[in-house]
Amino acid sequence: MRAIYGPDLKPAAPTTGRIVPFDQTEFVPGGLALANGLSNTGYLYVPNACEPGAPARCRLQVALHGCTQSAETLGDVFYAHVGLNEWADANRIVVLYPQAHATTLSELPSDLSLFGLSAPNPMGCWNWWDTAATPCISPRRASRSTPSGK
């Protein structure tokens, strides 16, 4: 967290905020969250100091879970217990935990092109290594020479 927010980041503190579930279907074509690789529900951690009407603005941190680590698989382990909320609470940061969905072929529409879909996502991964275009999932794929390393 210090690499992102700098040396003035306060140490993690016990959480006093709340986890807010939100509907992810409004962010995908036709509301088809599952077919587009998103779970229907995502989560937001809101520190007490960031509730509506708070006197000062808060920052936003997006936290993407790893493959097979969504709430569908692990319950609240990632969004409630990974340790980001404690840092967020101490530093006026709202944390957005969008949830990927492990999509199977049977969940995809018959005409994928209508929805901009290309393939199933059986492990519920975020496509930061351009896995839809390459058969290998490797950290080495994320470089300046690959489409996802822009």
C-alpha atoms as a PDB file:
ATOM      1  CA  MET A   1       0.000   0.000   0.000  1.00  0.00           C
ATOM      2  CA  ARG A   2       2.872   2.408   0.669  1.00  0.00           C
ATOM      3  CA  ALA A   3       4.057   1.926  -2.922  1.00  0.00           C
ATOM      4  CA  ILE A   4       0.701   3.285  -4.110  1.00  0.00           C
ATOM      5  CA  TYR A   5      -0.104   5.921  -1.485  1.00  0.00           C
ATOM      6  CA  GLY A   6       3.344   7.004  -0.322  1.00  0.00           C
ATOM      7  CA  PRO A   7       5.268   7.050   2.953  1.00  0.00           C
ATOM      8  CA  ASP A   8       2.622   8.971   4.910  1.00  0.00           C
ATOM      9  CA  LEU A   9       0.265   6.001   4.960  1.00  0.00           C
ATOM     10  CA  LYS A  10      -0.895   5.290   8.505  1.00  0.00           C
ATOM     11  CA  PRO A  11      -0.484   1.761   9.932  1.00  0.00           C
ATOM     12  CA  ALA A  12      -3.395  -0.644   9.612  1.00  0.00           C
ATOM     13  CA  ALA A  13      -6.060  -0.328  12.298  1.00  0.00           C
ATOM     14  CA  PRO A  14      -9.047  -2.401  13.390  1.00  0.00           C
ATOM     15  CA  THR A  15     -11.958  -1.982  11.008  1.00  0.00           C
ATOM     16  CA  THR A  16     -14.893   0.211  11.932  1.00  0.00           C
ATOM     17  CA  GLY A  17     -16.556   0.354   8.523  1.00  0.00           C
ATOM     18  CA  ARG A  18     -18.960  -1.886   6.688  1.00  0.00           C
ATOM     19  CA  ILE A  19     -18.973  -4.178   3.683  1.00  0.00           C
ATOM     20  CA  VAL A  20     -21.624  -3.229   1.162  1.00  0.00           C
ATOM     21  CA  PRO A  21     -22.743  -5.748  -1.484  1.00  0.00           C
ATOM     22  CA  PHE A  22     -23.620  -4.175  -4.853  1.00  0.00           C
ATOM     23  CA  ASP A  23     -25.247  -5.338  -8.074  1.00  0.00           C
ATOM     24  CA  GLN A  24     -22.689  -5.892 -10.858  1.00  0.00           C
ATOM     25  CA  THR A  25     -25.292  -6.716 -13.530  1.00  0.00           C
ATOM     26  CA  GLU A  26     -25.706  -3.054 -14.497  1.00  0.00           C
ATOM     27  CA  PHE A  27     -22.094  -2.970 -15.704  1.00  0.00           C
ATOM     28  CA  VAL A  28     -22.395  -5.611 -18.450  1.00  0.00           C
ATOM     29  CA  PRO A  29     -24.278  -5.808 -21.758  1.00  0.00           C
ATOM     30  CA  GLY A  30     -27.851  -6.946 -21.272  1.00  0.00           C
ATOM     31  CA  GLY A  31     -27.286  -7.387 -17.522  1.00  0.00           C
ATOM     32  CA  LEU A  32     -25.767 -10.808 -18.251  1.00  0.00           C
ATOM     33  CA  ALA A  33     -23.166 -10.742 -15.498  1.00  0.00           C
ATOM     34  CA  LEU A  34     -22.492 -14.489 -15.361  1.00  0.00           C
ATOM     35  CA  ALA A  35     -22.139 -14.858 -19.138  1.00  0.00           C
ATOM     36  CA  ASN A  36     -19.706 -11.924 -19.111  1.00  0.00           C
ATOM     37  CA  GLY A  37     -17.516 -13.421 -16.384  1.00  0.00           C
ATOM     38  CA  LEU A  38     -18.813 -11.341 -13.472  1.00  0.00           C
ATOM     39  CA  SER A  39     -20.669 -12.575 -10.434  1.00  0.00           C
ATOM     40  CA  ASN A  40     -24.005 -10.879  -9.881  1.00  0.00           C
ATOM     41  CA  THR A  41     -22.704  -9.316  -6.658  1.00  0.00           C
ATOM     42  CA  GLY A  42     -19.518  -7.353  -5.920  1.00  0.00           C
ATOM     43  CA  TYR A  43     -18.446  -5.812  -2.604  1.00  0.00           C
ATOM     44  CA  LEU A  44     -17.354  -2.413  -1.354  1.00  0.00           C
ATOM     45  CA  TYR A  45     -15.621  -1.718   1.960  1.00  0.00           C
ATOM     46  CA  VAL A  46     -16.608   1.699   3.309  1.00  0.00           C
ATOM     47  CA  PRO A  47     -14.747   2.998   6.393  1.00  0.00           C
ATOM     48  CA  ASN A  48     -16.914   4.970   8.844  1.00  0.00           C
ATOM     49  CA  ALA A  49     -14.939   8.092   7.922  1.00  0.00           C
ATOM     50  CA  CYS A  50     -16.032   7.640   4.286  1.00  0.00           C
ATOM     51  CA  GLU A  51     -19.774   7.300   4.809  1.00  0.00           C
ATOM     52  CA  PRO A  52     -22.006   9.732   2.900  1.00  0.00           C
ATOM     53  CA  GLY A  53     -21.835  13.187   4.443  1.00  0.00           C
ATOM     54  CA  ALA A  54     -18.272  12.711   5.730  1.00  0.00           C
ATOM     55  CA  PRO A  55     -16.415  16.036   6.026  1.00  0.00           C
ATOM     56  CA  ALA A  56     -13.459  14.998   3.840  1.00  0.00           C
ATOM     57  CA  ARG A  57     -13.102  13.033   0.615  1.00  0.00           C
ATOM     58  CA  CYS A  58     -11.845   9.460   0.538  1.00  0.00           C
ATOM     59  CA  ARG A  59      -9.718   7.640  -2.016  1.00  0.00           C
ATOM     60  CA  LEU A  60     -10.708   4.505  -3.927  1.00  0.00           C
ATOM     61  CA  GLN A  61      -8.685   1.294  -4.181  1.00  0.00           C
ATOM     62  CA  VAL A  62      -9.744  -1.508  -6.534  1.00  0.00           C
ATOM     63  CA  ALA A  63      -8.755  -4.985  -5.326  1.00  0.00           C
ATOM     64  CA  LEU A  64      -8.940  -7.809  -7.886  1.00  0.00           C
ATOM     65  CA  HIS A  65      -8.949 -11.335  -6.474  1.00  0.00           C
ATOM     66  CA  GLY A  66      -6.893 -14.122  -8.040  1.00  0.00           C
ATOM     67  CA  CYS A  67      -8.164 -17.036 -10.092  1.00  0.00           C
ATOM     68  CA  THR A  68     -10.527 -19.273  -8.088  1.00  0.00           C
ATOM     69  CA  GLN A  69     -10.578 -16.686  -5.267  1.00  0.00           C
ATOM     70  CA  SER A  70     -13.965 -15.051  -5.800  1.00  0.00           C
ATOM     71  CA  ALA A  71     -16.696 -14.959  -3.181  1.00  0.00           C
ATOM     72  CA  GLU A  72     -18.401 -17.793  -5.098  1.00  0.00           C
ATOM     73  CA  THR A  73     -15.468 -20.014  -4.151  1.00  0.00           C
ATOM     74  CA  LEU A  74     -14.100 -18.577  -0.890  1.00  0.00           C
ATOM     75  CA  GLY A  75     -17.045 -16.744   0.636  1.00  0.00           C
ATOM     76  CA  ASP A  76     -15.885 -13.548   2.372  1.00  0.00           C
ATOM     77  CA  VAL A  77     -12.237 -14.629   2.761  1.00  0.00           C
ATOM     78  CA  PHE A  78     -10.843 -12.182   0.196  1.00  0.00           C
ATOM     79  CA  TYR A  79     -13.043  -9.105   0.586  1.00  0.00           C
ATOM     80  CA  ALA A  80     -13.310  -9.284   4.383  1.00  0.00           C
ATOM     81  CA  HIS A  81     -10.078 -10.908   5.580  1.00  0.00           C
ATOM     82  CA  VAL A  82      -7.211 -10.189   3.159  1.00  0.00           C
ATOM     83  CA  GLY A  83      -6.028  -7.205   5.250  1.00  0.00           C
ATOM     84  CA  LEU A  84      -6.805  -4.295   2.915  1.00  0.00           C
ATOM     85  CA  ASN A  85      -9.795  -3.084   4.918  1.00  0.00           C
ATOM     86  CA  GLU A  86      -7.606  -2.426   7.974  1.00  0.00           C
ATOM     87  CA  TRP A  87      -5.300  -0.185   5.890  1.00  0.00           C
ATOM     88  CA  ALA A  88      -8.315   1.433   4.243  1.00  0.00           C
ATOM     89  CA  ASP A  89      -9.938   2.235   7.572  1.00  0.00           C
ATOM     90  CA  ALA A  90      -6.831   3.962   8.900  1.00  0.00           C
ATOM     91  CA  ASN A  91      -6.294   5.966   5.704  1.00  0.00           C
ATOM     92  CA  ARG A  92      -9.734   7.009   4.435  1.00  0.00           C
ATOM     93  CA  ILE A  93      -9.772   4.597   1.490  1.00  0.00           C
ATOM     94  CA  VAL A  94     -12.874   2.898   0.085  1.00  0.00           C
ATOM     95  CA  VAL A  95     -12.035  -0.551  -1.324  1.00  0.00           C
ATOM     96  CA  LEU A  96     -13.899  -1.925  -4.335  1.00  0.00           C
ATOM     97  CA  TYR A  97     -13.890  -5.724  -4.610  1.00  0.00           C
ATOM     98  CA  PRO A  98     -15.431  -6.643  -7.983  1.00  0.00           C
ATOM     99  CA  GLN A  99     -16.092 -10.360  -8.332  1.00  0.00           C
ATOM    100  CA  ALA A 100     -15.215 -12.455 -11.386  1.00  0.00           C
ATOM    101  CA  HIS A 101     -17.305 -15.525 -12.151  1.00  0.00           C
ATOM    102  CA  ALA A 102     -16.021 -18.925 -13.278  1.00  0.00           C
ATOM    103  CA  THR A 103     -17.967 -19.078 -16.539  1.00  0.00           C
ATOM    104  CA  THR A 104     -18.781 -22.346 -18.253  1.00  0.00           C
ATOM    105  CA  LEU A 105     -19.736 -22.923 -21.892  1.00  0.00           C
ATOM    106  CA  SER A 106     -23.330 -23.660 -20.892  1.00  0.00           C
ATOM    107  CA  GLU A 107     -23.694 -20.133 -19.421  1.00  0.00           C
ATOM    108  CA  LEU A 108     -22.628 -18.382 -22.617  1.00  0.00           C
ATOM    109  CA  PRO A 109     -25.202 -17.219 -25.175  1.00  0.00           C
ATOM    110  CA  SER A 110     -25.230 -19.214 -28.416  1.00  0.00           C
ATOM    111  CA  ASP A 111     -24.096 -16.161 -30.408  1.00  0.00           C
ATOM    112  CA  LEU A 112     -21.125 -14.821 -28.446  1.00  0.00           C
ATOM    113  CA  SER A 113     -20.501 -11.996 -30.899  1.00  0.00           C
ATOM    114  CA  LEU A 114     -23.763 -10.271 -29.924  1.00  0.00           C
ATOM    115  CA  PHE A 115     -22.388  -9.679 -26.452  1.00  0.00           C
ATOM    116  CA  GLY A 116     -18.706  -9.147 -27.255  1.00  0.00           C
ATOM    117  CA  LEU A 117     -17.819 -12.459 -25.598  1.00  0.00           C
ATOM    118  CA  SER A 118     -15.058 -14.724 -26.805  1.00  0.00           C
ATOM    119  CA  ALA A 119     -14.572 -17.678 -24.460  1.00  0.00           C
ATOM    120  CA  PRO A 120     -15.490 -19.200 -21.100  1.00  0.00           C
ATOM    121  CA  ASN A 121     -13.521 -18.310 -17.993  1.00  0.00           C
ATOM    122  CA  PRO A 122     -13.501 -21.606 -16.059  1.00  0.00           C
ATOM    123  CA  MET A 123     -11.275 -20.379 -13.210  1.00  0.00           C
ATOM    124  CA  GLY A 124     -12.918 -16.985 -12.645  1.00  0.00           C
ATOM    125  CA  CYS A 125      -9.784 -15.021 -13.559  1.00  0.00           C
ATOM    126  CA  TRP A 126      -9.413 -11.321 -14.335  1.00  0.00           C
ATOM    127  CA  ASN A 127      -7.960 -11.010 -17.845  1.00  0.00           C
ATOM    128  CA  TRP A 128      -4.882  -8.936 -16.989  1.00  0.00           C
ATOM    129  CA  TRP A 129      -2.561 -11.314 -18.858  1.00  0.00           C
ATOM    130  CA  ASP A 130      -4.705 -11.388 -21.999  1.00  0.00           C
ATOM    131  CA  THR A 131      -5.549 -15.040 -21.387  1.00  0.00           C
ATOM    132  CA  ALA A 132      -8.365 -14.908 -23.938  1.00  0.00           C
ATOM    133  CA  ALA A 133      -5.773 -14.433 -26.704  1.00  0.00           C
ATOM    134  CA  THR A 134      -3.014 -16.654 -25.324  1.00  0.00           C
ATOM    135  CA  PRO A 135      -3.176 -20.222 -24.019  1.00  0.00           C
ATOM    136  CA  CYS A 136      -0.553 -19.639 -21.307  1.00  0.00           C
ATOM    137  CA  ILE A 137      -1.256 -17.858 -18.018  1.00  0.00           C
ATOM    138  CA  SER A 138       2.098 -16.512 -16.932  1.00  0.00           C
ATOM    139  CA  PRO A 139       3.292 -13.315 -15.214  1.00  0.00           C
ATOM    140  CA  ARG A 140       5.809 -12.993 -18.046  1.00  0.00           C
ATOM    141  CA  ARG A 141       2.928 -12.316 -20.431  1.00  0.00           C
ATOM    142  CA  ALA A 142       2.329  -8.925 -18.792  1.00  0.00           C
ATOM    143  CA  SER A 143       5.087  -6.957 -20.433  1.00  0.00           C
ATOM    144  CA  ARG A 144       5.319  -3.968 -22.749  1.00  0.00           C
ATOM    145  CA  SER A 145       5.497  -6.329 -25.718  1.00  0.00           C
ATOM    146  CA  THR A 146       2.087  -7.936 -25.120  1.00  0.00           C
ATOM    147  CA  PRO A 147      -1.394  -6.518 -25.703  1.00  0.00           C
ATOM    148  CA  SER A 148      -2.149  -6.440 -21.960  1.00  0.00           C
ATOM    149  CA  GLY A 149       1.143  -4.734 -21.050  1.00  0.00           C
ATOM    150  CA  LYS A 150       0.129  -1.317 -22.442  1.00  0.00           C
END
